[in-house]
Amino acid sequence: MGTKTITILDEAYEALAREKRKGESFSKTILKLTARRGRLADSFGKWDMTESEWKKIDKELKRAWKGFGKK
């Protein structure tokens, strides 16, 4: 297993350090964080929903986006 040296911003380092647990390596933390989040595209087609469920979700999303940014 090889190693790589990367350059990151101080802000990125601080964010990573906040996620790191005591006794955990930064490599382990990075692997943990990236494993947690799959690609959104990997989820496409995984949820069997009825047409009425889709319409309800679509309606709510449109309503939410319409109100986004309004005070």
PDB file of N, CA and C in Angstrom:
ATOM      1  N   MET A   1       0.854  -1.172   0.000  1.00  0.00           N
ATOM      2  CA  MET A   1       0.000   0.000   0.000  1.00  0.00           C
ATOM      3  C   MET A   1       0.896   1.230   0.000  1.00  0.00           C
ATOM      4  N   GLY A   2       0.741   2.089  -0.998  1.00  0.00           N
ATOM      5  CA  GLY A   2       1.551   3.286  -1.119  1.00  0.00           C
ATOM      6  C   GLY A   2       0.941   4.461  -0.390  1.00  0.00           C
ATOM      7  N   THR A   3       1.651   5.564  -0.442  1.00  0.00           N
ATOM      8  CA  THR A   3       1.159   6.799   0.170  1.00  0.00           C
ATOM      9  C   THR A   3       1.264   7.922  -0.844  1.00  0.00           C
ATOM     10  N   LYS A   4       0.473   8.947  -0.657  1.00  0.00           N
ATOM     11  CA  LYS A   4       0.473  10.140  -1.497  1.00  0.00           C
ATOM     12  C   LYS A   4       0.478  11.358  -0.594  1.00  0.00           C
ATOM     13  N   THR A   5       1.116  12.402  -1.051  1.00  0.00           N
ATOM     14  CA  THR A   5       1.095  13.679  -0.345  1.00  0.00           C
ATOM     15  C   THR A   5       0.182  14.612  -1.127  1.00  0.00           C
ATOM     16  N   ILE A   6      -0.772  15.217  -0.433  1.00  0.00           N
ATOM     17  CA  ILE A   6      -1.689  16.152  -1.085  1.00  0.00           C
ATOM     18  C   ILE A   6      -1.620  17.498  -0.383  1.00  0.00           C
ATOM     19  N   THR A   7      -1.964  18.545  -1.106  1.00  0.00           N
ATOM     20  CA  THR A   7      -2.024  19.886  -0.541  1.00  0.00           C
ATOM     21  C   THR A   7      -3.489  20.286  -0.432  1.00  0.00           C
ATOM     22  N   ILE A   8      -3.891  20.721   0.752  1.00  0.00           N
ATOM     23  CA  ILE A   8      -5.264  21.179   0.956  1.00  0.00           C
ATOM     24  C   ILE A   8      -5.237  22.521   1.676  1.00  0.00           C
ATOM     25  N   LEU A   9      -6.308  23.263   1.547  1.00  0.00           N
ATOM     26  CA  LEU A   9      -6.430  24.538   2.247  1.00  0.00           C
ATOM     27  C   LEU A   9      -6.519  24.307   3.748  1.00  0.00           C
ATOM     28  N   ASP A  10      -6.099  25.302   4.517  1.00  0.00           N
ATOM     29  CA  ASP A  10      -6.207  25.206   5.974  1.00  0.00           C
ATOM     30  C   ASP A  10      -7.648  24.926   6.390  1.00  0.00           C
ATOM     31  N   GLU A  11      -8.582  25.564   5.714  1.00  0.00           N
ATOM     32  CA  GLU A  11     -10.003  25.380   6.028  1.00  0.00           C
ATOM     33  C   GLU A  11     -10.425  23.921   5.818  1.00  0.00           C
ATOM     34  N   ALA A  12      -9.930  23.300   4.752  1.00  0.00           N
ATOM     35  CA  ALA A  12     -10.242  21.896   4.489  1.00  0.00           C
ATOM     36  C   ALA A  12      -9.606  21.000   5.549  1.00  0.00           C
ATOM     37  N   TYR A  13      -8.382  21.314   5.942  1.00  0.00           N
ATOM     38  CA  TYR A  13      -7.702  20.536   6.984  1.00  0.00           C
ATOM     39  C   TYR A  13      -8.477  20.609   8.296  1.00  0.00           C
ATOM     40  N   GLU A  14      -8.921  21.819   8.650  1.00  0.00           N
ATOM     41  CA  GLU A  14      -9.661  22.000   9.900  1.00  0.00           C
ATOM     42  C   GLU A  14     -10.982  21.231   9.873  1.00  0.00           C
ATOM     43  N   ALA A  15     -11.657  21.238   8.722  1.00  0.00           N
ATOM     44  CA  ALA A  15     -12.912  20.490   8.594  1.00  0.00           C
ATOM     45  C   ALA A  15     -12.655  18.991   8.732  1.00  0.00           C
ATOM     46  N   LEU A  16     -11.580  18.518   8.128  1.00  0.00           N
ATOM     47  CA  LEU A  16     -11.229  17.104   8.225  1.00  0.00           C
ATOM     48  C   LEU A  16     -10.843  16.735   9.656  1.00  0.00           C
ATOM     49  N   ALA A  17     -10.093  17.608  10.301  1.00  0.00           N
ATOM     50  CA  ALA A  17      -9.667  17.356  11.681  1.00  0.00           C
ATOM     51  C   ALA A  17     -10.872  17.278  12.625  1.00  0.00           C
ATOM     52  N   ARG A  18     -11.922  18.060  12.342  1.00  0.00           N
ATOM     53  CA  ARG A  18     -13.132  18.002  13.176  1.00  0.00           C
ATOM     54  C   ARG A  18     -13.836  16.656  13.040  1.00  0.00           C
ATOM     55  N   GLU A  19     -13.731  16.044  11.877  1.00  0.00           N
ATOM     56  CA  GLU A  19     -14.371  14.747  11.633  1.00  0.00           C
ATOM     57  C   GLU A  19     -13.558  13.583  12.181  1.00  0.00           C
ATOM     58  N   LYS A  20     -12.274  13.800  12.362  1.00  0.00           N
ATOM     59  CA  LYS A  20     -11.355  12.746  12.786  1.00  0.00           C
ATOM     60  C   LYS A  20     -11.597  12.393  14.242  1.00  0.00           C
ATOM     61  N   ARG A  21     -11.679  11.093  14.505  1.00  0.00           N
ATOM     62  CA  ARG A  21     -11.858  10.626  15.879  1.00  0.00           C
ATOM     63  C   ARG A  21     -10.501  10.416  16.534  1.00  0.00           C
ATOM     64  N   LYS A  22     -10.494  10.420  17.850  1.00  0.00           N
ATOM     65  CA  LYS A  22      -9.260  10.193  18.596  1.00  0.00           C
ATOM     66  C   LYS A  22      -8.683   8.829  18.213  1.00  0.00           C
ATOM     67  N   GLY A  23      -7.416   8.811  17.876  1.00  0.00           N
ATOM     68  CA  GLY A  23      -6.745   7.576  17.507  1.00  0.00           C
ATOM     69  C   GLY A  23      -6.959   7.146  16.064  1.00  0.00           C
ATOM     70  N   GLU A  24      -7.714   7.916  15.313  1.00  0.00           N
ATOM     71  CA  GLU A  24      -8.008   7.578  13.924  1.00  0.00           C
ATOM     72  C   GLU A  24      -7.053   8.344  13.011  1.00  0.00           C
ATOM     73  N   SER A  25      -6.563   7.704  11.983  1.00  0.00           N
ATOM     74  CA  SER A  25      -5.676   8.382  11.035  1.00  0.00           C
ATOM     75  C   SER A  25      -6.503   9.260  10.097  1.00  0.00           C
ATOM     76  N   PHE A  26      -5.837  10.231   9.480  1.00  0.00           N
ATOM     77  CA  PHE A  26      -6.535  11.057   8.497  1.00  0.00           C
ATOM     78  C   PHE A  26      -6.977  10.200   7.306  1.00  0.00           C
ATOM     79  N   SER A  27      -6.166   9.212   6.942  1.00  0.00           N
ATOM     80  CA  SER A  27      -6.547   8.311   5.846  1.00  0.00           C
ATOM     81  C   SER A  27      -7.846   7.587   6.172  1.00  0.00           C
ATOM     82  N   LYS A  28      -7.942   7.068   7.375  1.00  0.00           N
ATOM     83  CA  LYS A  28      -9.148   6.354   7.800  1.00  0.00           C
ATOM     84  C   LYS A  28     -10.353   7.299   7.797  1.00  0.00           C
ATOM     85  N   THR A  29     -10.141   8.530   8.247  1.00  0.00           N
ATOM     86  CA  THR A  29     -11.218   9.523   8.267  1.00  0.00           C
ATOM     87  C   THR A  29     -11.700   9.817   6.852  1.00  0.00           C
ATOM     88  N   ILE A  30     -10.771  10.001   5.929  1.00  0.00           N
ATOM     89  CA  ILE A  30     -11.141  10.276   4.538  1.00  0.00           C
ATOM     90  C   ILE A  30     -11.914   9.098   3.958  1.00  0.00           C
ATOM     91  N   LEU A  31     -11.440   7.890   4.199  1.00  0.00           N
ATOM     92  CA  LEU A  31     -12.139   6.706   3.692  1.00  0.00           C
ATOM     93  C   LEU A  31     -13.535   6.589   4.289  1.00  0.00           C
ATOM     94  N   LYS A  32     -13.655   6.888   5.568  1.00  0.00           N
ATOM     95  CA  LYS A  32     -14.955   6.828   6.250  1.00  0.00           C
ATOM     96  C   LYS A  32     -15.916   7.847   5.634  1.00  0.00           C
ATOM     97  N   LEU A  33     -15.434   9.057   5.423  1.00  0.00           N
ATOM     98  CA  LEU A  33     -16.293  10.109   4.887  1.00  0.00           C
ATOM     99  C   LEU A  33     -16.699   9.845   3.445  1.00  0.00           C
ATOM    100  N   THR A  34     -15.801   9.327   2.657  1.00  0.00           N
ATOM    101  CA  THR A  34     -16.134   9.084   1.255  1.00  0.00           C
ATOM    102  C   THR A  34     -16.984   7.840   1.082  1.00  0.00           C
ATOM    103  N   ALA A  35     -16.880   6.888   1.980  1.00  0.00           N
ATOM    104  CA  ALA A  35     -17.711   5.682   1.902  1.00  0.00           C
ATOM    105  C   ALA A  35     -19.141   5.990   2.291  1.00  0.00           C
ATOM    106  N   ARG A  36     -19.323   6.956   3.154  1.00  0.00           N
ATOM    107  CA  ARG A  36     -20.645   7.344   3.637  1.00  0.00           C
ATOM    108  C   ARG A  36     -21.527   7.858   2.516  1.00  0.00           C
ATOM    109  N   ARG A  37     -20.919   8.549   1.607  1.00  0.00           N
ATOM    110  CA  ARG A  37     -21.676   9.241   0.573  1.00  0.00           C
ATOM    111  C   ARG A  37     -21.408   8.607  -0.781  1.00  0.00           C
ATOM    112  N   GLY A  38     -22.392   7.910  -1.271  1.00  0.00           N
ATOM    113  CA  GLY A  38     -22.275   7.377  -2.618  1.00  0.00           C
ATOM    114  C   GLY A  38     -22.623   8.468  -3.616  1.00  0.00           C
ATOM    115  N   ARG A  39     -22.416   8.166  -4.857  1.00  0.00           N
ATOM    116  CA  ARG A  39     -22.805   9.108  -5.903  1.00  0.00           C
ATOM    117  C   ARG A  39     -24.318   9.081  -6.040  1.00  0.00           C
ATOM    118  N   LEU A  40     -24.915  10.235  -6.223  1.00  0.00           N
ATOM    119  CA  LEU A  40     -26.364  10.324  -6.376  1.00  0.00           C
ATOM    120  C   LEU A  40     -26.826   9.447  -7.535  1.00  0.00           C
ATOM    121  N   ALA A  41     -26.067   9.440  -8.608  1.00  0.00           N
ATOM    122  CA  ALA A  41     -26.446   8.656  -9.781  1.00  0.00           C
ATOM    123  C   ALA A  41     -26.538   7.168  -9.464  1.00  0.00           C
ATOM    124  N   ASP A  42     -25.805   6.701  -8.458  1.00  0.00           N
ATOM    125  CA  ASP A  42     -25.859   5.292  -8.081  1.00  0.00           C
ATOM    126  C   ASP A  42     -27.216   4.898  -7.506  1.00  0.00           C
ATOM    127  N   SER A  43     -27.996   5.875  -7.082  1.00  0.00           N
ATOM    128  CA  SER A  43     -29.299   5.599  -6.478  1.00  0.00           C
ATOM    129  C   SER A  43     -30.439   5.637  -7.483  1.00  0.00           C
ATOM    130  N   PHE A  44     -30.185   6.107  -8.689  1.00  0.00           N
ATOM    131  CA  PHE A  44     -31.244   6.215  -9.688  1.00  0.00           C
ATOM    132  C   PHE A  44     -31.859   4.850  -9.954  1.00  0.00           C
ATOM    133  N   GLY A  45     -33.169   4.808  -9.936  1.00  0.00           N
ATOM    134  CA  GLY A  45     -33.877   3.575 -10.234  1.00  0.00           C
ATOM    135  C   GLY A  45     -33.996   2.610  -9.068  1.00  0.00           C
ATOM    136  N   LYS A  46     -33.533   2.989  -7.900  1.00  0.00           N
ATOM    137  CA  LYS A  46     -33.545   2.077  -6.755  1.00  0.00           C
ATOM    138  C   LYS A  46     -34.864   2.113  -5.989  1.00  0.00           C
ATOM    139  N   TRP A  47     -35.653   3.173  -6.181  1.00  0.00           N
ATOM    140  CA  TRP A  47     -36.868   3.335  -5.406  1.00  0.00           C
ATOM    141  C   TRP A  47     -38.069   3.100  -6.310  1.00  0.00           C
ATOM    142  N   ASP A  48     -38.770   2.013  -6.079  1.00  0.00           N
ATOM    143  CA  ASP A  48     -39.997   1.758  -6.826  1.00  0.00           C
ATOM    144  C   ASP A  48     -41.105   2.572  -6.181  1.00  0.00           C
ATOM    145  N   MET A  49     -41.640   3.517  -6.941  1.00  0.00           N
ATOM    146  CA  MET A  49     -42.721   4.338  -6.400  1.00  0.00           C
ATOM    147  C   MET A  49     -43.855   4.398  -7.397  1.00  0.00           C
ATOM    148  N   THR A  50     -45.019   4.633  -6.853  1.00  0.00           N
ATOM    149  CA  THR A  50     -46.196   4.747  -7.704  1.00  0.00           C
ATOM    150  C   THR A  50     -46.197   6.118  -8.362  1.00  0.00           C
ATOM    151  N   GLU A  51     -47.020   6.248  -9.378  1.00  0.00           N
ATOM    152  CA  GLU A  51     -47.157   7.530 -10.069  1.00  0.00           C
ATOM    153  C   GLU A  51     -47.663   8.603  -9.105  1.00  0.00           C
ATOM    154  N   SER A  52     -48.583   8.240  -8.209  1.00  0.00           N
ATOM    155  CA  SER A  52     -49.116   9.226  -7.259  1.00  0.00           C
ATOM    156  C   SER A  52     -48.044   9.661  -6.254  1.00  0.00           C
ATOM    157  N   GLU A  53     -47.175   8.723  -5.844  1.00  0.00           N
ATOM    158  CA  GLU A  53     -46.068   9.099  -4.952  1.00  0.00           C
ATOM    159  C   GLU A  53     -45.135  10.076  -5.657  1.00  0.00           C
ATOM    160  N   TRP A  54     -44.814   9.786  -6.926  1.00  0.00           N
ATOM    161  CA  TRP A  54     -43.925  10.663  -7.679  1.00  0.00           C
ATOM    162  C   TRP A  54     -44.542  12.055  -7.828  1.00  0.00           C
ATOM    163  N   LYS A  55     -45.835  12.120  -8.142  1.00  0.00           N
ATOM    164  CA  LYS A  55     -46.504  13.414  -8.310  1.00  0.00           C
ATOM    165  C   LYS A  55     -46.480  14.216  -7.013  1.00  0.00           C
ATOM    166  N   LYS A  56     -46.692  13.541  -5.883  1.00  0.00           N
ATOM    167  CA  LYS A  56     -46.666  14.219  -4.587  1.00  0.00           C
ATOM    168  C   LYS A  56     -45.266  14.773  -4.299  1.00  0.00           C
ATOM    169  N   ILE A  57     -44.245  13.969  -4.526  1.00  0.00           N
ATOM    170  CA  ILE A  57     -42.863  14.420  -4.302  1.00  0.00           C
ATOM    171  C   ILE A  57     -42.534  15.580  -5.231  1.00  0.00           C
ATOM    172  N   ASP A  58     -42.897  15.448  -6.502  1.00  0.00           N
ATOM    173  CA  ASP A  58     -42.628  16.499  -7.483  1.00  0.00           C
ATOM    174  C   ASP A  58     -43.311  17.805  -7.086  1.00  0.00           C
ATOM    175  N   LYS A  59     -44.559  17.714  -6.650  1.00  0.00           N
ATOM    176  CA  LYS A  59     -45.315  18.901  -6.229  1.00  0.00           C
ATOM    177  C   LYS A  59     -44.636  19.583  -5.035  1.00  0.00           C
ATOM    178  N   GLU A  60     -44.221  18.794  -4.051  1.00  0.00           N
ATOM    179  CA  GLU A  60     -43.566  19.349  -2.860  1.00  0.00           C
ATOM    180  C   GLU A  60     -42.217  19.981  -3.198  1.00  0.00           C
ATOM    181  N   LEU A  61     -41.472  19.338  -4.080  1.00  0.00           N
ATOM    182  CA  LEU A  61     -40.185  19.913  -4.490  1.00  0.00           C
ATOM    183  C   LEU A  61     -40.380  21.240  -5.211  1.00  0.00           C
ATOM    184  N   LYS A  62     -41.341  21.287  -6.110  1.00  0.00           N
ATOM    185  CA  LYS A  62     -41.616  22.537  -6.830  1.00  0.00           C
ATOM    186  C   LYS A  62     -42.038  23.635  -5.864  1.00  0.00           C
ATOM    187  N   ARG A  63     -42.880  23.283  -4.877  1.00  0.00           N
ATOM    188  CA  ARG A  63     -43.315  24.264  -3.880  1.00  0.00           C
ATOM    189  C   ARG A  63     -42.126  24.757  -3.066  1.00  0.00           C
ATOM    190  N   ALA A  64     -41.273  23.832  -2.659  1.00  0.00           N
ATOM    191  CA  ALA A  64     -40.108  24.206  -1.849  1.00  0.00           C
ATOM    192  C   ALA A  64     -39.157  25.100  -2.638  1.00  0.00           C
ATOM    193  N   TRP A  65     -38.887  24.747  -3.893  1.00  0.00           N
ATOM    194  CA  TRP A  65     -37.975  25.553  -4.698  1.00  0.00           C
ATOM    195  C   TRP A  65     -38.568  26.926  -5.003  1.00  0.00           C
ATOM    196  N   LYS A  66     -39.875  26.998  -5.168  1.00  0.00           N
ATOM    197  CA  LYS A  66     -40.521  28.282  -5.444  1.00  0.00           C
ATOM    198  C   LYS A  66     -40.339  29.233  -4.263  1.00  0.00           C
ATOM    199  N   GLY A  67     -40.396  28.688  -3.049  1.00  0.00           N
ATOM    200  CA  GLY A  67     -40.251  29.505  -1.849  1.00  0.00           C
ATOM    201  C   GLY A  67     -38.813  29.700  -1.405  1.00  0.00           C
ATOM    202  N   PHE A  68     -37.875  29.024  -2.051  1.00  0.00           N
ATOM    203  CA  PHE A  68     -36.469  29.101  -1.654  1.00  0.00           C
ATOM    204  C   PHE A  68     -35.948  30.523  -1.823  1.00  0.00           C
ATOM    205  N   GLY A  69     -35.363  31.037  -0.786  1.00  0.00           N
ATOM    206  CA  GLY A  69     -34.765  32.363  -0.842  1.00  0.00           C
ATOM    207  C   GLY A  69     -35.712  33.488  -0.468  1.00  0.00           C
ATOM    208  N   LYS A  70     -37.000  33.172  -0.314  1.00  0.00           N
ATOM    209  CA  LYS A  70     -37.945  34.209   0.105  1.00  0.00           C
ATOM    210  C   LYS A  70     -37.874  34.363   1.609  1.00  0.00           C
ATOM    211  N   LYS A  71     -38.009  35.589   2.059  1.00  0.00           N
ATOM    212  CA  LYS A  71     -37.972  35.846   3.504  1.00  0.00           C
ATOM    213  C   LYS A  71     -39.352  36.097   4.028  1.00  0.00           C
TER     214      LYS A  71
END
